[in-house]
Amino acid sequence: MKKGLGFGICIVLGIILVVSSVAQEGVFWVDKFSEKKVSDGIPEGWKLEKKTGNPEIKVEQSGDNAFVLLRSNNSSFGLTKELNFELKDYPYLNWKWKVTRLPEKGDFLKKETDDQAAQVGVVFPRFPTMLNTELVVYIWESNLKNKGKEGVSPAWSKSKVIVLQAGPEKLNQWIQEKRNVYEDYKRLFKKEPPKVGGISIYTNTQHTKGRAESFYDHIYFSKN
């Protein structure tokens, strides 16, 4: 067999294996995190987005598993990662998160108390992006009374919020979440979503002048 032909067959077989693996698993990975994949303190492939204060970010390891920690002290910041795919192909967002400290007096319904220990947002860019970018944001809220509520973020009118967890009941526990983002988007925005442009994990306590701590792990989209 000619060298060039053999190399070409290997590439084709490799592509087939990758496509087959994706088709079998039905998964579009965002990140599993790793202590070995960190650049300037930030997980590879992610960007720091700072609004105020000093970000505290760390990728930690527990046995064979790694996860990212965000710690807020009168600050507002997060990590974002660019993506590009049709939400219909992978409508479900899956992730694990844990909160160990909630911002006292946090309440997303009011701008002056709009602080959360943990947020996971799916970004939908629309041109012009500075004005029209939309988000579906899942939050861990301080106020237990807000659990299950949905609404518009006081910080950005095109950001729609869904409260998945609230209050201290599940503090210090890893919680597995799964959301049909496609259906959530259609219900909240009353239209079909554009392509997914990114994802974010966020924490903020700048309004209530307090502290918060949250952890994130195994973030991925899936077909079902």
Protein backbone atom coordinates (compact mmCIF):
# COMPACT_ATOMS: atom_id res chain seq x y z
CA MET A 1 0.00 0.00 0.00
CA LYS A 2 1.27 3.46 -0.86
CA LYS A 3 2.23 5.64 2.09
CA GLY A 4 -0.06 8.53 1.07
CA LEU A 5 -3.03 6.22 0.53
CA GLY A 6 -2.52 4.54 3.90
CA PHE A 7 -2.36 7.90 5.64
CA GLY A 8 -5.57 9.00 3.92
CA ILE A 9 -7.38 5.82 4.98
CA CYS A 10 -6.26 6.39 8.58
CA ILE A 11 -7.72 9.91 8.52
CA VAL A 12 -11.02 8.65 7.11
CA LEU A 13 -11.21 5.86 9.70
CA GLY A 14 -10.42 8.38 12.43
CA ILE A 15 -13.24 10.66 11.27
CA ILE A 16 -15.64 7.72 11.13
CA LEU A 17 -14.71 6.69 14.67
CA VAL A 18 -15.19 10.23 16.00
CA VAL A 19 -18.56 10.65 14.25
CA SER A 20 -19.64 7.21 15.43
CA SER A 21 -18.66 8.01 19.02
CA VAL A 22 -20.60 11.28 19.00
CA ALA A 23 -23.64 9.58 17.45
CA GLN A 24 -23.58 6.80 20.05
CA GLU A 25 -23.16 9.06 23.02
CA GLY A 26 -25.31 11.89 21.68
CA VAL A 27 -23.16 14.35 23.63
CA PHE A 28 -21.64 17.77 22.87
CA TRP A 29 -19.09 18.35 25.63
CA VAL A 30 -18.47 21.81 27.08
CA ASP A 31 -15.92 20.76 29.72
CA LYS A 32 -14.97 18.10 32.26
CA PHE A 33 -12.22 20.35 33.67
CA SER A 34 -8.69 19.30 34.57
CA GLU A 35 -5.91 20.66 36.79
CA LYS A 36 -3.56 19.94 33.89
CA LYS A 37 -5.50 22.21 31.54
CA VAL A 38 -5.23 25.60 33.19
CA SER A 39 -3.74 28.79 31.75
CA ASP A 40 -3.06 31.76 34.06
CA GLY A 41 -5.46 30.25 36.58
CA ILE A 42 -8.29 29.92 34.03
CA PRO A 43 -9.49 26.58 32.59
CA GLU A 44 -8.32 26.18 28.98
CA GLY A 45 -10.85 27.34 26.42
CA TRP A 46 -12.60 29.71 28.84
CA LYS A 47 -12.37 33.49 29.20
CA LEU A 48 -12.62 35.54 32.36
CA GLU A 49 -15.42 38.10 32.36
CA LYS A 50 -15.04 40.53 35.25
CA LYS A 51 -17.54 43.22 36.15
CA THR A 52 -16.26 44.30 39.55
CA GLY A 53 -14.01 43.15 42.39
CA ASN A 54 -11.29 40.52 42.43
CA PRO A 55 -12.14 37.13 40.92
CA GLU A 56 -11.18 34.00 42.86
CA ILE A 57 -11.06 31.01 40.52
CA LYS A 58 -9.47 27.62 41.01
CA VAL A 59 -9.56 24.23 39.32
CA GLU A 60 -9.43 21.58 42.04
CA GLN A 61 -8.95 17.82 41.98
CA SER A 62 -10.67 15.17 44.12
CA GLY A 63 -9.47 11.69 43.26
CA ASP A 64 -9.87 11.24 39.50
CA ASN A 65 -12.35 14.10 39.24
CA ALA A 66 -11.68 17.81 38.68
CA PHE A 67 -14.01 20.79 39.03
CA VAL A 68 -13.86 24.58 39.00
CA LEU A 69 -14.42 26.82 42.03
CA LEU A 70 -15.70 30.40 41.90
CA ARG A 71 -15.48 32.44 45.11
CA SER A 72 -17.00 35.93 45.33
CA ASN A 73 -16.25 38.59 47.93
CA ASN A 74 -18.19 41.74 47.05
CA SER A 75 -17.45 40.97 43.40
CA SER A 76 -19.09 39.99 40.14
CA PHE A 77 -17.36 37.76 37.59
CA GLY A 78 -17.61 34.57 35.61
CA LEU A 79 -16.15 32.34 32.94
CA THR A 80 -17.43 32.15 29.38
CA LYS A 81 -16.74 29.66 26.60
CA GLU A 82 -17.57 30.15 22.94
CA LEU A 83 -19.69 27.47 21.22
CA ASN A 84 -21.33 27.17 17.83
CA PHE A 85 -24.08 24.62 17.19
CA GLU A 86 -27.79 24.24 16.56
CA LEU A 87 -29.67 23.81 19.81
CA LYS A 88 -32.15 21.43 18.16
CA ASP A 89 -29.28 18.96 17.65
CA TYR A 90 -28.39 18.91 21.36
CA PRO A 91 -31.33 20.50 23.25
CA TYR A 92 -30.49 19.28 26.76
CA LEU A 93 -27.94 21.00 29.00
CA ASN A 94 -26.44 18.83 31.73
CA TRP A 95 -24.15 19.90 34.56
CA LYS A 96 -23.25 19.37 38.19
CA TRP A 97 -22.96 22.21 40.68
CA LYS A 98 -22.47 22.69 44.39
CA VAL A 99 -22.94 25.80 46.52
CA THR A 100 -21.21 26.11 49.89
CA ARG A 101 -22.06 29.73 50.64
CA LEU A 102 -25.02 31.89 49.60
CA PRO A 103 -25.00 35.70 49.43
CA GLU A 104 -27.09 36.91 52.35
CA LYS A 105 -30.24 38.83 51.37
CA GLY A 106 -29.81 37.86 47.71
CA ASP A 107 -33.02 38.09 45.67
CA PHE A 108 -33.03 38.11 41.86
CA LEU A 109 -36.35 39.95 41.68
CA LYS A 110 -34.79 43.28 42.69
CA LYS A 111 -31.81 45.00 41.09
CA GLU A 112 -30.37 46.08 44.45
CA THR A 113 -30.32 42.44 45.70
CA ASP A 114 -29.70 40.61 42.41
CA ASP A 115 -26.84 38.40 43.66
CA GLN A 116 -26.49 34.64 43.24
CA ALA A 117 -23.90 32.12 44.34
CA ALA A 118 -24.20 30.20 41.08
CA GLN A 119 -25.42 30.87 37.55
CA VAL A 120 -25.20 28.80 34.38
CA GLY A 121 -26.14 30.72 31.24
CA VAL A 122 -26.61 29.74 27.60
CA VAL A 123 -25.79 32.58 25.20
CA PHE A 124 -27.69 33.26 21.96
CA PRO A 125 -26.02 36.01 19.90
CA ARG A 126 -28.23 38.10 17.63
CA PHE A 127 -26.84 40.93 15.49
CA PRO A 128 -25.95 43.49 16.66
CA THR A 129 -24.68 41.39 19.55
CA MET A 130 -24.06 44.27 21.97
CA LEU A 131 -27.77 45.10 21.86
CA ASN A 132 -29.58 41.89 21.00
CA THR A 133 -27.72 38.96 22.56
CA GLU A 134 -30.16 36.80 24.53
CA LEU A 135 -29.51 34.45 27.44
CA VAL A 136 -31.28 31.66 29.26
CA VAL A 137 -29.82 31.65 32.77
CA TYR A 138 -30.28 28.96 35.41
CA ILE A 139 -29.56 30.16 38.94
CA TRP A 140 -29.09 29.00 42.51
CA GLU A 141 -31.00 31.66 44.42
CA SER A 142 -30.60 32.72 48.06
CA ASN A 143 -34.31 33.37 48.66
CA LEU A 144 -36.11 30.04 49.11
CA LYS A 145 -39.44 31.66 48.19
CA ASN A 146 -38.20 32.19 44.64
CA LYS A 147 -37.57 28.52 43.85
CA GLY A 148 -39.18 27.56 40.55
CA LYS A 149 -39.79 31.15 39.50
CA GLU A 150 -38.96 32.52 36.07
CA GLY A 151 -38.48 36.11 35.03
CA VAL A 152 -36.47 38.82 33.35
CA SER A 153 -33.08 39.62 34.84
CA PRO A 154 -32.92 43.11 36.38
CA ALA A 155 -29.43 43.41 34.88
CA TRP A 156 -30.33 42.71 31.24
CA SER A 157 -33.81 42.70 29.69
CA LYS A 158 -32.86 40.03 27.14
CA SER A 159 -31.71 37.66 29.87
CA LYS A 160 -34.42 35.27 31.09
CA VAL A 161 -33.87 33.62 34.47
CA ILE A 162 -35.06 30.25 35.80
CA VAL A 163 -34.56 29.49 39.51
CA LEU A 164 -33.60 25.82 39.81
CA GLN A 165 -32.27 25.77 43.36
CA ALA A 166 -32.95 28.17 46.23
CA GLY A 167 -32.02 28.56 49.85
CA PRO A 168 -29.66 26.55 52.06
CA GLU A 169 -31.42 23.17 51.97
CA LYS A 170 -28.96 21.58 49.52
CA LEU A 171 -25.81 23.47 50.50
CA ASN A 172 -22.58 21.45 50.34
CA GLN A 173 -24.15 18.85 48.03
CA TRP A 174 -23.33 18.13 44.41
CA ILE A 175 -26.57 18.47 42.44
CA GLN A 176 -27.00 17.03 38.94
CA GLU A 177 -29.12 19.22 36.65
CA LYS A 178 -30.67 18.60 33.24
CA ARG A 179 -32.69 21.15 31.29
CA ASN A 180 -34.30 21.17 27.87
CA VAL A 181 -32.87 24.54 26.85
CA TYR A 182 -34.63 24.43 23.49
CA GLU A 183 -38.06 24.27 25.15
CA ASP A 184 -37.06 26.77 27.83
CA TYR A 185 -35.94 29.27 25.18
CA LYS A 186 -39.12 28.90 23.13
CA ARG A 187 -41.31 29.32 26.20
CA LEU A 188 -39.44 32.36 27.50
CA PHE A 189 -38.78 34.19 24.22
CA LYS A 190 -41.82 33.02 22.21
CA LYS A 191 -39.75 32.15 19.11
CA GLU A 192 -37.21 29.72 17.70
CA PRO A 193 -33.66 30.06 19.06
CA PRO A 194 -30.66 31.02 16.93
CA LYS A 195 -27.45 29.01 17.18
CA VAL A 196 -25.89 28.63 20.59
CA GLY A 197 -22.96 31.04 20.77
CA GLY A 198 -21.57 30.26 24.18
CA ILE A 199 -22.02 29.27 27.78
CA SER A 200 -21.16 31.00 31.05
CA ILE A 201 -20.77 30.18 34.72
CA TYR A 202 -21.06 33.13 37.05
CA THR A 203 -21.17 34.35 40.64
CA ASN A 204 -21.84 37.79 42.10
CA THR A 205 -22.25 39.50 45.47
CA GLN A 206 -21.56 43.14 44.59
CA HIS A 207 -25.08 44.32 45.41
CA THR A 208 -25.44 42.74 48.84
CA LYS A 209 -21.74 43.29 49.66
CA GLY A 210 -21.30 39.71 50.84
CA ARG A 211 -19.64 36.41 49.97
CA ALA A 212 -20.53 33.35 47.93
CA GLU A 213 -18.86 30.13 46.84
CA SER A 214 -19.84 27.67 44.11
CA PHE A 215 -18.42 24.70 42.21
CA TYR A 216 -19.10 23.39 38.68
CA ASP A 217 -18.37 20.10 36.94
CA HIS A 218 -19.16 17.96 33.86
CA ILE A 219 -20.98 20.45 31.64
CA TYR A 220 -22.35 19.10 28.36
CA PHE A 221 -25.28 19.23 25.93
CA SER A 222 -27.05 16.05 24.89
CA LYS A 223 -29.63 14.82 22.40
CA ASN A 224 -31.85 13.38 25.12
